[in-house]
């Protein structure tokens, strides 16, 4: 694709089709005005960059446009439908991951550790991180109980503070009161600090006054 992109033309765009074919062409004249606009002029930087760097740049612009369109349509969905959509998006590799080879490395890491580490599951209570989470006696008991109940699909688990989707690569902690999950960094809890917590209360639950 790199050597077929003419640099003398103006404002070329990369088009992806449903049959997985790609085409570099001039912007379409009849694009709905309400849709986010794709990046124009991807051909201008080609001659001044390495082939791999230029392809990565085009891939990033493509991902940005795809996510923008997804957010545009998701504004009309319900909360559960948005969670399901973004979970499905995160299950698929990005264009950049495919171009850079990150997809293969992630698949190798995933295939090598799921059976033993249980990274694709959240314990029913308390903390989780990857590599294996800090486990107190209570946490270990709760985690063992949770594995029997959970279905292993946590792509729809959202951080109670920032709304980010669960990732096994980050440290998370669960509130023992409301049972919501949070990024450790969002609630200022580190794995070491979590070791000494017998029962964790999130900031929202901690601020609530007990009923009299």
N, C-alpha and C. Protein backbone atom coordinates (compact mmCIF):
# COMPACT_ATOMS: atom_id res chain seq x y z
N UNK A 1 0.83 -1.20 0.00
CA UNK A 1 0.00 0.00 0.00
C UNK A 1 0.86 1.25 0.00
N UNK A 2 2.01 1.17 0.65
CA UNK A 2 2.85 2.36 0.81
C UNK A 2 3.27 2.94 -0.54
N UNK A 3 3.67 2.07 -1.48
CA UNK A 3 4.23 2.56 -2.72
C UNK A 3 3.16 2.87 -3.77
N UNK A 4 1.92 2.63 -3.45
CA UNK A 4 0.84 2.93 -4.38
C UNK A 4 0.14 4.24 -4.03
N UNK A 5 0.61 4.92 -3.00
CA UNK A 5 -0.02 6.17 -2.60
C UNK A 5 0.68 7.34 -3.29
N UNK A 6 0.03 8.00 -4.22
CA UNK A 6 0.66 9.13 -4.91
C UNK A 6 0.75 10.34 -3.99
N UNK A 7 1.91 11.00 -4.01
CA UNK A 7 2.10 12.16 -3.15
C UNK A 7 1.73 13.47 -3.83
N UNK A 8 1.50 13.43 -5.14
CA UNK A 8 1.21 14.69 -5.83
C UNK A 8 -0.24 15.10 -5.69
N UNK A 9 -1.12 14.17 -5.30
CA UNK A 9 -2.52 14.52 -5.13
C UNK A 9 -2.76 15.10 -3.74
N UNK A 10 -3.87 15.79 -3.59
CA UNK A 10 -4.15 16.45 -2.33
C UNK A 10 -5.18 15.68 -1.51
N UNK A 11 -4.99 15.74 -0.20
CA UNK A 11 -6.00 15.28 0.75
C UNK A 11 -6.57 13.89 0.46
N UNK A 12 -5.71 12.91 0.35
CA UNK A 12 -6.17 11.55 0.14
C UNK A 12 -6.58 10.93 1.48
N UNK A 13 -7.55 10.02 1.41
CA UNK A 13 -8.03 9.32 2.60
C UNK A 13 -7.89 7.82 2.41
N UNK A 14 -7.79 7.10 3.53
CA UNK A 14 -7.75 5.65 3.50
C UNK A 14 -9.15 5.12 3.81
N UNK A 15 -9.69 4.31 2.92
CA UNK A 15 -11.04 3.76 3.09
C UNK A 15 -10.95 2.26 3.38
N UNK A 16 -11.68 1.83 4.39
CA UNK A 16 -11.79 0.41 4.70
C UNK A 16 -13.20 -0.07 4.41
N UNK A 17 -13.31 -1.22 3.77
CA UNK A 17 -14.61 -1.74 3.37
C UNK A 17 -14.97 -2.99 4.17
N UNK A 18 -16.25 -3.35 4.11
CA UNK A 18 -16.75 -4.48 4.89
C UNK A 18 -16.10 -5.81 4.49
N UNK A 19 -15.60 -5.91 3.26
CA UNK A 19 -14.95 -7.14 2.82
C UNK A 19 -13.46 -7.17 3.17
N UNK A 20 -13.04 -6.24 4.06
CA UNK A 20 -11.67 -6.13 4.56
C UNK A 20 -10.69 -5.60 3.51
N UNK A 21 -11.20 -5.05 2.43
CA UNK A 21 -10.35 -4.42 1.43
C UNK A 21 -10.11 -2.96 1.80
N UNK A 22 -8.97 -2.41 1.36
CA UNK A 22 -8.60 -1.03 1.66
C UNK A 22 -8.33 -0.29 0.36
N UNK A 23 -8.59 1.01 0.38
CA UNK A 23 -8.36 1.83 -0.81
C UNK A 23 -7.97 3.24 -0.39
N UNK A 24 -6.96 3.79 -1.07
CA UNK A 24 -6.57 5.18 -0.87
C UNK A 24 -7.16 6.00 -2.01
N UNK A 25 -7.98 6.99 -1.67
CA UNK A 25 -8.68 7.76 -2.70
C UNK A 25 -8.99 9.15 -2.18
N UNK A 26 -9.51 9.98 -3.08
CA UNK A 26 -9.93 11.32 -2.70
C UNK A 26 -11.14 11.24 -1.77
N UNK A 27 -11.33 12.24 -0.92
CA UNK A 27 -12.49 12.23 -0.01
C UNK A 27 -13.80 12.17 -0.78
N UNK A 28 -14.74 11.40 -0.26
CA UNK A 28 -16.05 11.31 -0.90
C UNK A 28 -16.78 12.64 -0.76
N UNK A 29 -17.48 13.04 -1.81
CA UNK A 29 -18.16 14.32 -1.80
C UNK A 29 -19.47 14.28 -1.03
N UNK A 30 -20.05 13.09 -0.88
CA UNK A 30 -21.37 12.99 -0.27
C UNK A 30 -21.30 12.26 1.08
N UNK A 31 -20.40 12.69 1.92
CA UNK A 31 -20.31 12.14 3.27
C UNK A 31 -21.31 12.88 4.16
N UNK A 32 -22.11 12.16 4.96
CA UNK A 32 -23.05 12.85 5.86
C UNK A 32 -22.32 13.88 6.73
N UNK A 33 -22.83 15.08 6.76
CA UNK A 33 -22.14 16.16 7.46
C UNK A 33 -22.05 15.94 8.96
N UNK A 34 -22.95 15.12 9.53
CA UNK A 34 -22.94 14.93 10.98
C UNK A 34 -21.87 13.94 11.44
N UNK A 35 -21.34 13.14 10.52
CA UNK A 35 -20.33 12.15 10.92
C UNK A 35 -18.98 12.82 11.16
N UNK A 36 -18.17 12.27 12.08
CA UNK A 36 -16.81 12.80 12.28
C UNK A 36 -16.01 12.67 10.98
N UNK A 37 -15.20 13.67 10.68
CA UNK A 37 -14.43 13.65 9.45
C UNK A 37 -13.15 12.86 9.63
N UNK A 38 -12.78 12.03 8.65
CA UNK A 38 -11.50 11.31 8.72
C UNK A 38 -10.34 12.26 8.46
N UNK A 39 -9.14 11.82 8.82
CA UNK A 39 -7.94 12.64 8.59
C UNK A 39 -7.67 12.75 7.09
N UNK A 40 -7.37 13.96 6.65
CA UNK A 40 -7.09 14.20 5.24
C UNK A 40 -5.58 14.35 5.02
N UNK A 41 -5.16 14.05 3.79
CA UNK A 41 -3.77 14.27 3.42
C UNK A 41 -2.79 13.28 4.00
N UNK A 42 -3.19 12.01 4.13
CA UNK A 42 -2.27 11.02 4.69
C UNK A 42 -1.07 10.77 3.78
N UNK A 43 -1.17 11.20 2.51
CA UNK A 43 -0.10 10.97 1.56
C UNK A 43 1.03 11.98 1.69
N UNK A 44 0.80 13.12 2.34
CA UNK A 44 1.80 14.18 2.36
C UNK A 44 3.06 13.79 3.13
N UNK A 45 2.91 13.05 4.21
CA UNK A 45 4.05 12.75 5.08
C UNK A 45 4.82 11.51 4.66
N UNK A 46 4.36 10.82 3.64
CA UNK A 46 4.95 9.51 3.31
C UNK A 46 6.43 9.58 2.97
N UNK A 47 6.80 10.50 2.07
CA UNK A 47 8.18 10.53 1.59
C UNK A 47 9.17 10.99 2.65
N UNK A 48 8.69 11.67 3.69
CA UNK A 48 9.60 12.15 4.73
C UNK A 48 9.70 11.25 5.94
N UNK A 49 9.11 10.07 5.88
CA UNK A 49 9.11 9.17 7.04
C UNK A 49 9.53 7.76 6.62
N UNK A 50 9.94 6.98 7.60
CA UNK A 50 10.19 5.56 7.35
C UNK A 50 8.87 4.88 7.01
N UNK A 51 8.94 3.82 6.23
CA UNK A 51 7.73 3.12 5.81
C UNK A 51 6.93 2.65 7.02
N UNK A 52 7.61 2.05 8.01
CA UNK A 52 6.91 1.52 9.18
C UNK A 52 6.27 2.64 10.00
N UNK A 53 6.98 3.77 10.13
CA UNK A 53 6.44 4.90 10.90
C UNK A 53 5.23 5.51 10.19
N UNK A 54 5.29 5.59 8.87
CA UNK A 54 4.17 6.16 8.13
C UNK A 54 2.94 5.27 8.21
N UNK A 55 3.13 3.96 8.07
CA UNK A 55 2.01 3.04 8.19
C UNK A 55 1.40 3.09 9.58
N UNK A 56 2.26 3.23 10.60
CA UNK A 56 1.75 3.33 11.97
C UNK A 56 0.93 4.61 12.15
N UNK A 57 1.39 5.71 11.53
CA UNK A 57 0.66 6.98 11.62
C UNK A 57 -0.72 6.86 10.97
N UNK A 58 -0.77 6.24 9.80
CA UNK A 58 -2.05 6.04 9.12
C UNK A 58 -2.96 5.15 9.96
N UNK A 59 -2.38 4.13 10.59
CA UNK A 59 -3.17 3.22 11.43
C UNK A 59 -3.77 3.95 12.62
N UNK A 60 -2.99 4.83 13.25
CA UNK A 60 -3.49 5.59 14.40
C UNK A 60 -4.64 6.50 13.98
N UNK A 61 -4.48 7.18 12.83
CA UNK A 61 -5.57 8.03 12.34
C UNK A 61 -6.82 7.20 12.04
N UNK A 62 -6.63 6.00 11.51
CA UNK A 62 -7.77 5.13 11.20
C UNK A 62 -8.49 4.72 12.48
N UNK A 63 -7.72 4.33 13.50
CA UNK A 63 -8.33 3.95 14.79
C UNK A 63 -9.09 5.12 15.39
N UNK A 64 -8.49 6.31 15.32
CA UNK A 64 -9.13 7.50 15.88
C UNK A 64 -10.48 7.76 15.21
N UNK A 65 -10.52 7.63 13.89
CA UNK A 65 -11.77 7.87 13.18
C UNK A 65 -12.81 6.80 13.50
N UNK A 66 -12.40 5.54 13.57
CA UNK A 66 -13.34 4.45 13.88
C UNK A 66 -13.95 4.63 15.26
N UNK A 67 -13.12 5.01 16.24
CA UNK A 67 -13.62 5.22 17.60
C UNK A 67 -14.56 6.43 17.63
N UNK A 68 -14.22 7.48 16.87
CA UNK A 68 -15.09 8.66 16.82
C UNK A 68 -16.47 8.32 16.28
N UNK A 69 -16.50 7.52 15.22
CA UNK A 69 -17.79 7.11 14.65
C UNK A 69 -18.56 6.25 15.64
N UNK A 70 -17.84 5.36 16.33
CA UNK A 70 -18.50 4.50 17.32
C UNK A 70 -19.12 5.33 18.44
N UNK A 71 -18.39 6.34 18.93
CA UNK A 71 -18.92 7.21 19.98
C UNK A 71 -20.11 8.02 19.46
N UNK A 72 -20.06 8.41 18.20
CA UNK A 72 -21.17 9.18 17.62
C UNK A 72 -22.46 8.36 17.65
N UNK A 73 -22.39 7.13 17.20
CA UNK A 73 -23.59 6.28 17.19
C UNK A 73 -23.95 5.81 18.60
N UNK A 74 -22.96 5.64 19.46
CA UNK A 74 -23.24 5.17 20.82
C UNK A 74 -24.01 6.19 21.64
N UNK A 75 -23.97 7.45 21.24
CA UNK A 75 -24.71 8.48 21.97
C UNK A 75 -26.21 8.20 21.96
N UNK A 76 -26.66 7.43 21.01
CA UNK A 76 -28.08 7.11 20.89
C UNK A 76 -28.44 5.76 21.50
N UNK A 77 -27.45 5.10 22.10
CA UNK A 77 -27.68 3.80 22.71
C UNK A 77 -27.94 3.94 24.20
N UNK A 78 -28.46 2.88 24.79
CA UNK A 78 -28.62 2.85 26.24
C UNK A 78 -27.28 2.57 26.89
N UNK A 79 -27.23 2.72 28.20
CA UNK A 79 -25.98 2.50 28.91
C UNK A 79 -25.49 1.06 28.72
N UNK A 80 -26.38 0.09 28.85
CA UNK A 80 -25.98 -1.31 28.70
C UNK A 80 -25.52 -1.61 27.28
N UNK A 81 -26.18 -1.00 26.29
CA UNK A 81 -25.77 -1.21 24.90
C UNK A 81 -24.40 -0.60 24.64
N UNK A 82 -24.12 0.56 25.25
CA UNK A 82 -22.80 1.17 25.09
C UNK A 82 -21.72 0.29 25.71
N UNK A 83 -22.00 -0.23 26.90
CA UNK A 83 -21.04 -1.12 27.55
C UNK A 83 -20.76 -2.34 26.69
N UNK A 84 -21.81 -2.88 26.10
CA UNK A 84 -21.64 -4.06 25.25
C UNK A 84 -20.84 -3.72 24.00
N UNK A 85 -21.12 -2.55 23.40
CA UNK A 85 -20.40 -2.12 22.20
C UNK A 85 -18.91 -1.95 22.49
N UNK A 86 -18.59 -1.22 23.57
CA UNK A 86 -17.19 -0.97 23.87
C UNK A 86 -16.47 -2.23 24.30
N UNK A 87 -17.20 -3.15 24.94
CA UNK A 87 -16.60 -4.44 25.27
C UNK A 87 -16.24 -5.22 24.01
N UNK A 88 -17.13 -5.18 23.02
CA UNK A 88 -16.86 -5.84 21.75
C UNK A 88 -15.68 -5.19 21.03
N UNK A 89 -15.59 -3.86 21.11
CA UNK A 89 -14.47 -3.15 20.48
C UNK A 89 -13.15 -3.56 21.10
N UNK A 90 -13.12 -3.68 22.43
CA UNK A 90 -11.89 -4.02 23.12
C UNK A 90 -11.48 -5.47 22.89
N UNK A 91 -12.43 -6.31 22.49
CA UNK A 91 -12.09 -7.70 22.19
C UNK A 91 -11.39 -7.84 20.84
N UNK A 92 -11.49 -6.81 20.01
CA UNK A 92 -10.87 -6.85 18.68
C UNK A 92 -9.58 -6.04 18.68
N UNK A 93 -8.59 -6.44 17.89
CA UNK A 93 -7.35 -5.66 17.80
C UNK A 93 -7.59 -4.36 17.04
N UNK A 94 -6.86 -3.33 17.39
CA UNK A 94 -6.93 -2.08 16.64
C UNK A 94 -6.12 -2.20 15.36
N UNK A 95 -6.33 -1.27 14.45
CA UNK A 95 -5.54 -1.27 13.22
C UNK A 95 -4.06 -1.11 13.55
N UNK A 96 -3.76 -0.26 14.53
CA UNK A 96 -2.37 -0.05 14.92
C UNK A 96 -1.74 -1.32 15.47
N UNK A 97 -2.50 -2.07 16.27
CA UNK A 97 -1.98 -3.32 16.83
C UNK A 97 -1.67 -4.33 15.74
N UNK A 98 -2.50 -4.37 14.71
CA UNK A 98 -2.25 -5.29 13.61
C UNK A 98 -1.01 -4.86 12.82
N UNK A 99 -0.91 -3.56 12.53
CA UNK A 99 0.22 -3.05 11.74
C UNK A 99 1.54 -3.21 12.49
N UNK A 100 1.54 -2.91 13.80
CA UNK A 100 2.78 -2.92 14.57
C UNK A 100 3.17 -4.29 15.09
N UNK A 101 2.28 -5.27 14.97
CA UNK A 101 2.58 -6.61 15.47
C UNK A 101 2.23 -6.82 16.92
N UNK A 102 1.63 -5.82 17.58
CA UNK A 102 1.26 -5.96 18.98
C UNK A 102 0.19 -7.02 19.17
N UNK A 103 -0.62 -7.27 18.15
CA UNK A 103 -1.70 -8.26 18.26
C UNK A 103 -1.12 -9.64 18.54
N UNK A 104 -0.06 -10.01 17.80
CA UNK A 104 0.52 -11.33 17.99
C UNK A 104 1.14 -11.49 19.36
N UNK A 105 1.82 -10.43 19.86
CA UNK A 105 2.46 -10.52 21.17
C UNK A 105 1.42 -10.63 22.27
N UNK A 106 0.29 -9.91 22.14
CA UNK A 106 -0.77 -10.01 23.15
C UNK A 106 -1.39 -11.39 23.16
N UNK A 107 -1.57 -11.97 21.95
CA UNK A 107 -2.16 -13.30 21.88
C UNK A 107 -1.24 -14.34 22.51
N UNK A 108 0.08 -14.16 22.33
CA UNK A 108 1.02 -15.09 22.95
C UNK A 108 0.98 -14.97 24.46
N UNK A 109 0.93 -13.75 24.98
CA UNK A 109 0.85 -13.55 26.43
C UNK A 109 -0.44 -14.13 26.98
N UNK A 110 -1.54 -13.94 26.25
CA UNK A 110 -2.83 -14.42 26.73
C UNK A 110 -2.87 -15.94 26.74
N UNK A 111 -2.32 -16.58 25.71
CA UNK A 111 -2.37 -18.04 25.64
C UNK A 111 -1.45 -18.69 26.65
N UNK A 112 -0.45 -17.96 27.13
CA UNK A 112 0.50 -18.55 28.06
C UNK A 112 0.12 -18.44 29.51
N UNK A 113 -0.89 -17.62 29.88
CA UNK A 113 -1.13 -17.42 31.29
C UNK A 113 -2.54 -17.56 31.79
N UNK A 114 -3.50 -17.84 30.94
CA UNK A 114 -4.89 -17.85 31.39
C UNK A 114 -5.17 -19.01 32.32
N UNK A 115 -4.68 -20.22 31.97
CA UNK A 115 -5.04 -21.41 32.72
C UNK A 115 -4.56 -21.36 34.16
N UNK A 116 -3.38 -20.76 34.39
CA UNK A 116 -2.79 -20.78 35.72
C UNK A 116 -3.06 -19.53 36.53
N UNK A 117 -3.11 -18.38 35.87
CA UNK A 117 -3.21 -17.13 36.63
C UNK A 117 -4.62 -16.64 36.82
N UNK A 118 -5.54 -17.07 35.98
CA UNK A 118 -6.92 -16.61 36.09
C UNK A 118 -7.07 -15.13 35.84
N UNK A 119 -6.27 -14.56 34.92
CA UNK A 119 -6.31 -13.11 34.70
C UNK A 119 -7.62 -12.65 34.09
N UNK A 120 -8.34 -13.56 33.46
CA UNK A 120 -9.57 -13.13 32.81
C UNK A 120 -10.75 -13.14 33.76
N UNK A 121 -10.48 -13.32 35.06
CA UNK A 121 -11.56 -13.31 36.04
C UNK A 121 -11.27 -12.29 37.12
N UNK A 122 -12.33 -11.70 37.67
CA UNK A 122 -12.23 -10.84 38.83
C UNK A 122 -12.70 -11.62 40.04
N UNK A 123 -11.98 -11.59 41.16
CA UNK A 123 -12.51 -12.22 42.36
C UNK A 123 -13.77 -11.51 42.80
N UNK A 124 -14.62 -12.21 43.57
CA UNK A 124 -15.90 -11.63 43.95
C UNK A 124 -15.74 -10.45 44.88
N UNK A 125 -14.63 -10.38 45.60
CA UNK A 125 -14.39 -9.28 46.52
C UNK A 125 -12.93 -8.83 46.44
N UNK A 126 -12.72 -7.62 46.80
CA UNK A 126 -11.43 -7.00 47.08
C UNK A 126 -10.56 -6.82 45.85
N UNK A 127 -9.28 -7.09 45.93
CA UNK A 127 -8.35 -6.56 44.95
C UNK A 127 -8.02 -7.54 43.85
N UNK A 128 -7.59 -6.96 42.71
CA UNK A 128 -7.12 -7.77 41.59
C UNK A 128 -6.06 -6.99 40.85
N UNK A 129 -5.06 -7.66 40.36
CA UNK A 129 -4.03 -7.04 39.54
C UNK A 129 -3.38 -8.11 38.70
N UNK A 130 -2.55 -7.74 37.78
CA UNK A 130 -1.76 -8.68 37.00
C UNK A 130 -0.35 -8.12 36.94
N UNK A 131 0.65 -8.97 37.33
CA UNK A 131 0.57 -10.36 37.77
C UNK A 131 -0.25 -10.57 39.03
N UNK A 132 -0.39 -11.89 39.49
CA UNK A 132 -1.39 -12.29 40.48
C UNK A 132 -1.59 -11.29 41.60
N UNK A 133 -2.86 -11.05 42.01
CA UNK A 133 -3.20 -10.02 42.99
C UNK A 133 -2.74 -10.35 44.39
N UNK A 134 -2.52 -9.32 45.24
CA UNK A 134 -2.24 -9.58 46.65
C UNK A 134 -3.45 -10.22 47.29
N UNK A 135 -3.24 -11.29 48.06
CA UNK A 135 -4.37 -12.04 48.60
C UNK A 135 -4.18 -12.24 50.10
N UNK A 136 -5.09 -11.70 50.88
CA UNK A 136 -5.13 -12.02 52.29
C UNK A 136 -5.99 -13.26 52.45
N UNK A 137 -6.14 -13.75 53.69
CA UNK A 137 -6.95 -14.95 53.89
C UNK A 137 -8.39 -14.71 53.45
N UNK A 138 -8.92 -13.54 53.80
CA UNK A 138 -10.29 -13.23 53.41
C UNK A 138 -10.42 -13.12 51.90
N UNK A 139 -9.41 -12.45 51.28
CA UNK A 139 -9.46 -12.29 49.84
C UNK A 139 -9.40 -13.62 49.13
N UNK A 140 -8.54 -14.52 49.62
CA UNK A 140 -8.39 -15.82 48.98
C UNK A 140 -9.69 -16.61 49.06
N UNK A 141 -10.34 -16.56 50.24
CA UNK A 141 -11.60 -17.28 50.39
C UNK A 141 -12.67 -16.71 49.47
N UNK A 142 -12.76 -15.38 49.43
CA UNK A 142 -13.76 -14.74 48.57
C UNK A 142 -13.48 -15.02 47.11
N UNK A 143 -12.19 -15.01 46.74
CA UNK A 143 -11.84 -15.25 45.35
C UNK A 143 -12.21 -16.65 44.92
N UNK A 144 -11.96 -17.64 45.79
CA UNK A 144 -12.31 -19.02 45.45
C UNK A 144 -13.81 -19.17 45.26
N UNK A 145 -14.59 -18.48 46.11
CA UNK A 145 -16.04 -18.54 45.95
C UNK A 145 -16.47 -17.84 44.67
N UNK A 146 -15.79 -16.74 44.34
CA UNK A 146 -16.17 -15.96 43.16
C UNK A 146 -15.90 -16.70 41.87
N UNK A 147 -14.84 -17.52 41.81
CA UNK A 147 -14.52 -18.22 40.59
C UNK A 147 -15.59 -19.22 40.20
N UNK A 148 -16.29 -19.75 41.19
CA UNK A 148 -17.35 -20.70 40.89
C UNK A 148 -18.57 -20.00 40.31
N UNK A 149 -18.74 -18.73 40.67
CA UNK A 149 -19.93 -18.01 40.26
C UNK A 149 -19.72 -17.20 39.00
N UNK A 150 -18.52 -16.64 38.82
CA UNK A 150 -18.29 -15.74 37.69
C UNK A 150 -18.19 -16.52 36.39
N UNK A 151 -18.59 -15.90 35.30
CA UNK A 151 -18.51 -16.55 34.00
C UNK A 151 -17.21 -16.22 33.29
N UNK A 152 -16.33 -15.40 33.89
CA UNK A 152 -15.03 -15.12 33.31
C UNK A 152 -15.04 -13.98 32.32
N UNK A 153 -16.18 -13.43 31.98
CA UNK A 153 -16.25 -12.34 31.01
C UNK A 153 -16.45 -11.03 31.75
N UNK A 154 -15.38 -10.22 31.85
CA UNK A 154 -15.45 -8.97 32.60
C UNK A 154 -15.19 -7.77 31.70
N UNK A 155 -15.44 -7.93 30.41
CA UNK A 155 -15.21 -6.82 29.49
C UNK A 155 -16.17 -5.67 29.73
N UNK A 156 -17.27 -5.91 30.50
CA UNK A 156 -18.24 -4.85 30.75
C UNK A 156 -18.08 -4.26 32.14
N UNK A 157 -17.07 -4.69 32.92
CA UNK A 157 -16.85 -4.13 34.25
C UNK A 157 -16.22 -2.75 34.11
N UNK A 158 -16.84 -1.74 34.72
CA UNK A 158 -16.39 -0.36 34.59
C UNK A 158 -15.90 0.17 35.92
N UNK A 159 -14.90 1.04 35.87
CA UNK A 159 -14.40 1.71 37.07
C UNK A 159 -15.47 2.66 37.59
N UNK A 160 -15.75 2.60 38.90
CA UNK A 160 -16.78 3.44 39.49
C UNK A 160 -16.41 4.91 39.52
N UNK A 161 -15.14 5.24 39.29
CA UNK A 161 -14.71 6.63 39.31
C UNK A 161 -14.59 7.23 37.91
N UNK A 162 -13.77 6.59 37.05
CA UNK A 162 -13.51 7.16 35.73
C UNK A 162 -14.33 6.53 34.62
N UNK A 163 -14.98 5.39 34.89
CA UNK A 163 -15.79 4.73 33.88
C UNK A 163 -15.00 3.88 32.91
N UNK A 164 -13.68 3.73 33.15
CA UNK A 164 -12.85 2.92 32.27
C UNK A 164 -13.20 1.44 32.36
N UNK A 165 -13.01 0.72 31.25
CA UNK A 165 -13.33 -0.70 31.19
C UNK A 165 -12.22 -1.53 31.82
N UNK A 166 -12.60 -2.62 32.47
CA UNK A 166 -11.65 -3.48 33.17
C UNK A 166 -10.55 -3.98 32.26
N UNK A 167 -9.33 -3.96 32.76
CA UNK A 167 -8.17 -4.52 32.06
C UNK A 167 -7.34 -5.31 33.05
N UNK A 168 -6.94 -6.52 32.66
CA UNK A 168 -6.15 -7.37 33.54
C UNK A 168 -4.74 -6.82 33.73
N UNK A 169 -4.36 -5.83 32.93
CA UNK A 169 -3.02 -5.26 33.04
C UNK A 169 -2.92 -4.20 34.12
N UNK A 170 -4.04 -3.85 34.77
CA UNK A 170 -4.05 -2.79 35.77
C UNK A 170 -4.52 -3.32 37.11
N UNK A 171 -4.15 -2.62 38.18
CA UNK A 171 -4.56 -2.99 39.53
C UNK A 171 -5.95 -2.43 39.82
N UNK A 172 -6.85 -3.28 40.26
CA UNK A 172 -8.22 -2.89 40.60
C UNK A 172 -8.53 -3.30 42.03
N UNK A 173 -9.48 -2.61 42.65
CA UNK A 173 -9.92 -2.97 43.99
C UNK A 173 -11.44 -2.85 44.04
N UNK A 174 -12.08 -3.80 44.73
CA UNK A 174 -13.53 -3.82 44.81
C UNK A 174 -14.02 -3.37 46.17
N UNK A 175 -15.08 -2.57 46.19
CA UNK A 175 -15.68 -2.10 47.44
C UNK A 175 -16.49 -3.24 48.06
N UNK A 176 -16.25 -3.51 49.36
CA UNK A 176 -16.97 -4.58 50.04
C UNK A 176 -18.39 -4.17 50.43
N UNK A 177 -18.72 -2.90 50.26
CA UNK A 177 -20.05 -2.42 50.63
C UNK A 177 -20.98 -2.37 49.41
N UNK A 178 -20.60 -1.58 48.40
CA UNK A 178 -21.45 -1.43 47.21
C UNK A 178 -21.07 -2.41 46.10
N UNK A 179 -19.92 -3.10 46.25
CA UNK A 179 -19.45 -4.10 45.30
C UNK A 179 -19.10 -3.51 43.94
N UNK A 180 -18.81 -2.22 43.90
CA UNK A 180 -18.31 -1.61 42.66
C UNK A 180 -16.80 -1.79 42.60
N UNK A 181 -16.28 -1.74 41.37
CA UNK A 181 -14.83 -1.89 41.17
C UNK A 181 -14.20 -0.56 40.75
N UNK A 182 -12.93 -0.38 41.15
CA UNK A 182 -12.23 0.88 40.90
C UNK A 182 -10.78 0.59 40.50
N UNK A 183 -10.25 1.46 39.61
CA UNK A 183 -8.80 1.48 39.40
C UNK A 183 -8.13 1.83 40.72
N UNK A 184 -7.07 1.14 41.07
CA UNK A 184 -6.35 1.50 42.28
C UNK A 184 -5.89 2.95 42.25
N UNK A 185 -5.44 3.42 41.07
CA UNK A 185 -4.95 4.79 40.97
C UNK A 185 -6.07 5.81 41.13
N UNK A 186 -7.30 5.42 40.78
CA UNK A 186 -8.43 6.36 40.89
C UNK A 186 -8.83 6.60 42.34
N UNK A 187 -8.63 5.59 43.19
CA UNK A 187 -9.00 5.73 44.61
C UNK A 187 -7.77 5.78 45.50
N UNK A 188 -6.59 5.94 44.88
CA UNK A 188 -5.32 6.10 45.60
C UNK A 188 -5.03 4.92 46.53
N UNK A 189 -5.22 3.71 46.00
CA UNK A 189 -4.91 2.49 46.73
C UNK A 189 -3.87 1.71 45.94
N UNK A 190 -2.77 1.37 46.59
CA UNK A 190 -1.72 0.58 45.95
C UNK A 190 -1.86 -0.88 46.36
N UNK A 191 -1.24 -1.81 45.62
CA UNK A 191 -1.29 -3.21 46.02
C UNK A 191 -0.76 -3.44 47.43
N UNK A 192 0.30 -2.71 47.79
CA UNK A 192 0.86 -2.87 49.13
C UNK A 192 -0.12 -2.40 50.20
N UNK A 193 -0.79 -1.28 49.95
CA UNK A 193 -1.76 -0.77 50.92
C UNK A 193 -2.96 -1.68 51.03
N UNK A 194 -3.35 -2.30 49.90
CA UNK A 194 -4.51 -3.19 49.91
C UNK A 194 -4.28 -4.41 50.78
N UNK A 195 -3.01 -4.81 50.95
CA UNK A 195 -2.69 -5.97 51.78
C UNK A 195 -3.15 -5.79 53.22
N UNK A 196 -3.12 -4.55 53.70
CA UNK A 196 -3.43 -4.29 55.11
C UNK A 196 -4.90 -3.92 55.34
N UNK A 197 -5.70 -3.90 54.28
CA UNK A 197 -7.11 -3.53 54.40
C UNK A 197 -7.96 -4.78 54.57
N UNK A 198 -8.67 -4.88 55.68
CA UNK A 198 -9.53 -6.04 55.91
C UNK A 198 -10.85 -5.89 55.15
N UNK A 199 -11.42 -4.69 55.20
CA UNK A 199 -12.66 -4.42 54.47
C UNK A 199 -12.54 -3.06 53.81
N UNK A 200 -12.55 -3.06 52.47
CA UNK A 200 -12.37 -1.80 51.74
C UNK A 200 -13.71 -1.12 51.47
N UNK A 201 -13.75 0.19 51.77
CA UNK A 201 -14.90 1.02 51.44
C UNK A 201 -14.46 2.08 50.44
N UNK A 202 -15.19 2.20 49.35
CA UNK A 202 -14.86 3.20 48.35
C UNK A 202 -15.14 4.60 48.90
N UNK A 203 -14.61 5.66 48.26
CA UNK A 203 -14.86 7.02 48.75
C UNK A 203 -16.33 7.36 48.90
N UNK A 204 -17.17 6.86 47.99
CA UNK A 204 -18.60 7.16 48.07
C UNK A 204 -19.23 6.53 49.31
N UNK A 205 -18.91 5.27 49.58
CA UNK A 205 -19.48 4.59 50.75
C UNK A 205 -18.89 5.15 52.04
N UNK A 206 -17.63 5.56 52.00
CA UNK A 206 -16.99 6.11 53.20
C UNK A 206 -17.59 7.45 53.60
N UNK A 207 -18.10 8.19 52.61
CA UNK A 207 -18.65 9.52 52.90
C UNK A 207 -20.10 9.47 53.38
N UNK A 208 -20.73 8.31 53.27
CA UNK A 208 -22.12 8.19 53.70
C UNK A 208 -22.19 8.06 55.22
N UNK A 209 -23.10 8.83 55.82
CA UNK A 209 -23.28 8.77 57.26
C UNK A 209 -24.18 7.59 57.62
N UNK A 210 -23.86 6.86 58.67
CA UNK A 210 -24.72 5.75 59.09
C UNK A 210 -26.08 6.26 59.55
N UNK A 211 -27.11 5.51 59.23
CA UNK A 211 -28.45 5.91 59.65
C UNK A 211 -28.62 5.75 61.15
N UNK A 212 -29.33 6.71 61.74
CA UNK A 212 -29.56 6.68 63.18
C UNK A 212 -31.01 6.29 63.47
